[in-house]
Amino acid sequence: MLPRLKAGIFVRALIRRAEVAGAQAYIARMGSEEAGAVILKIARLDGTCTVLNQARRGSEGDLVWMKALGDSASDAAAEAYFEKQIKFDPDLWIVEIEDRESRAFVDEPIV
């Protein structure tokens, strides 16, 4: 298994990747620079979004992104989910990507 990239570096690279592709992205909540988990909110700009959570799967522990609230959720449902997750992990990062095409800009599989 490859060493994990620091959360802060990953987040800044993700935001840059989204912006280069013409989307807007920003840090909605800053977590631990070293090892905080990352949640992505992909806002479609119509009041709906997809929320992606990092997860590990398989014996190798490969990184994947899971749809935490299904394919589509309201912004209010996403905010309620974030509040619950922050209680479990105060080091959590939340990155919001505003993209009508609903692109996540991650290389790992989305399941």
Protein backbone atom coordinates (compact mmCIF):
# COMPACT_ATOMS: atom_id res chain seq x y z
CA MET A 1 0.00 0.00 0.00
CA LEU A 2 1.29 3.47 -0.87
CA PRO A 3 1.84 6.02 1.87
CA ARG A 4 -1.09 8.35 2.37
CA LEU A 5 -0.90 11.90 1.11
CA LYS A 6 -1.38 14.53 3.81
CA ALA A 7 -4.97 15.75 3.88
CA GLY A 8 -4.10 19.42 3.38
CA ILE A 9 -2.00 18.71 0.31
CA PHE A 10 -4.71 16.45 -1.15
CA VAL A 11 -7.40 19.10 -0.62
CA ARG A 12 -5.40 21.92 -2.19
CA ALA A 13 -4.54 19.74 -5.21
CA LEU A 14 -8.20 18.74 -5.61
CA ILE A 15 -9.33 22.36 -5.54
CA ARG A 16 -6.72 23.30 -8.12
CA ARG A 17 -7.77 20.39 -10.36
CA ALA A 18 -11.44 21.45 -10.19
CA GLU A 19 -10.65 25.08 -10.93
CA VAL A 20 -8.46 24.21 -13.91
CA ALA A 21 -11.42 22.25 -15.32
CA GLY A 22 -13.72 25.27 -14.94
CA ALA A 23 -15.52 24.36 -11.70
CA GLN A 24 -15.49 26.28 -8.45
CA ALA A 25 -14.17 24.56 -5.32
CA TYR A 26 -13.44 25.68 -1.80
CA ILE A 27 -12.79 24.43 1.70
CA ALA A 28 -16.07 24.50 3.63
CA ARG A 29 -14.40 23.11 6.75
CA MET A 30 -10.69 22.77 7.45
CA GLY A 31 -9.60 19.69 9.34
CA SER A 32 -6.28 18.32 10.47
CA GLU A 33 -3.53 19.21 8.01
CA GLU A 34 -1.78 15.90 8.56
CA ALA A 35 -4.41 13.19 8.65
CA GLY A 36 -7.98 14.46 8.64
CA ALA A 37 -10.57 12.55 6.63
CA VAL A 38 -12.08 14.32 3.61
CA ILE A 39 -15.72 14.56 2.56
CA LEU A 40 -16.68 16.04 -0.80
CA LYS A 41 -19.92 17.86 -1.47
CA ILE A 42 -20.53 18.13 -5.19
CA ALA A 43 -23.16 20.83 -5.60
CA ARG A 44 -25.05 20.87 -8.88
CA LEU A 45 -26.23 24.46 -8.27
CA ASP A 46 -29.89 23.39 -8.36
CA GLY A 47 -30.33 22.69 -4.65
CA THR A 48 -29.11 19.09 -4.94
CA CYS A 49 -25.72 17.55 -4.37
CA THR A 50 -23.77 14.32 -4.09
CA VAL A 51 -21.80 13.68 -0.91
CA LEU A 52 -18.70 11.50 -1.20
CA ASN A 53 -16.91 9.95 1.76
CA GLN A 54 -13.44 8.38 1.65
CA ALA A 55 -13.33 4.68 2.44
CA ARG A 56 -10.89 1.79 2.17
CA ARG A 57 -11.87 -1.49 0.59
CA GLY A 58 -10.36 -4.88 -0.08
CA SER A 59 -7.43 -6.59 1.52
CA GLU A 60 -5.06 -4.00 0.06
CA GLY A 61 -7.02 -1.11 1.57
CA ASP A 62 -7.55 0.67 -1.75
CA LEU A 63 -9.07 4.14 -1.47
CA VAL A 64 -12.56 4.56 -2.91
CA TRP A 65 -15.21 7.26 -2.62
CA MET A 66 -18.64 6.19 -1.40
CA LYS A 67 -21.89 8.04 -2.06
CA ALA A 68 -22.86 8.74 1.54
CA LEU A 69 -26.41 9.92 0.74
CA GLY A 70 -27.04 8.15 -2.57
CA ASP A 71 -26.83 9.73 -6.01
CA SER A 72 -28.63 12.91 -5.03
CA ALA A 73 -29.47 14.70 -1.79
CA SER A 74 -30.72 18.11 -0.79
CA ASP A 75 -28.28 20.68 0.51
CA ALA A 76 -30.09 20.54 3.87
CA ALA A 77 -29.64 16.75 4.10
CA ALA A 78 -25.93 17.17 3.30
CA GLU A 79 -25.50 19.78 6.04
CA ALA A 80 -27.21 17.50 8.59
CA TYR A 81 -24.90 14.65 7.54
CA PHE A 82 -21.84 16.88 7.96
CA GLU A 83 -22.89 17.89 11.48
CA LYS A 84 -23.14 14.23 12.49
CA GLN A 85 -19.79 13.35 10.94
CA ILE A 86 -18.00 16.26 12.64
CA LYS A 87 -19.15 14.93 16.03
CA PHE A 88 -17.37 11.63 15.23
CA ASP A 89 -14.29 13.20 13.64
CA PRO A 90 -13.39 16.77 14.63
CA ASP A 91 -10.40 16.64 12.22
CA LEU A 92 -12.73 16.27 9.22
CA TRP A 93 -12.27 18.32 6.05
CA ILE A 94 -15.29 19.26 3.92
CA VAL A 95 -14.63 20.39 0.36
CA GLU A 96 -17.44 21.79 -1.75
CA ILE A 97 -17.21 21.58 -5.52
CA GLU A 98 -19.75 23.56 -7.53
CA ASP A 99 -20.16 21.85 -10.87
CA ARG A 100 -23.34 21.45 -12.95
CA GLU A 101 -21.83 18.29 -14.50
CA SER A 102 -21.40 16.74 -11.04
CA ARG A 103 -17.71 15.95 -11.53
CA ALA A 104 -15.73 14.88 -8.46
CA PHE A 105 -12.18 15.39 -9.84
CA VAL A 106 -10.83 12.34 -8.01
CA ASP A 107 -8.94 9.45 -9.59
CA GLU A 108 -10.21 6.73 -7.25
CA PRO A 109 -13.41 4.79 -8.00
CA ILE A 110 -16.75 6.16 -6.84
CA VAL A 111 -19.00 3.40 -5.52
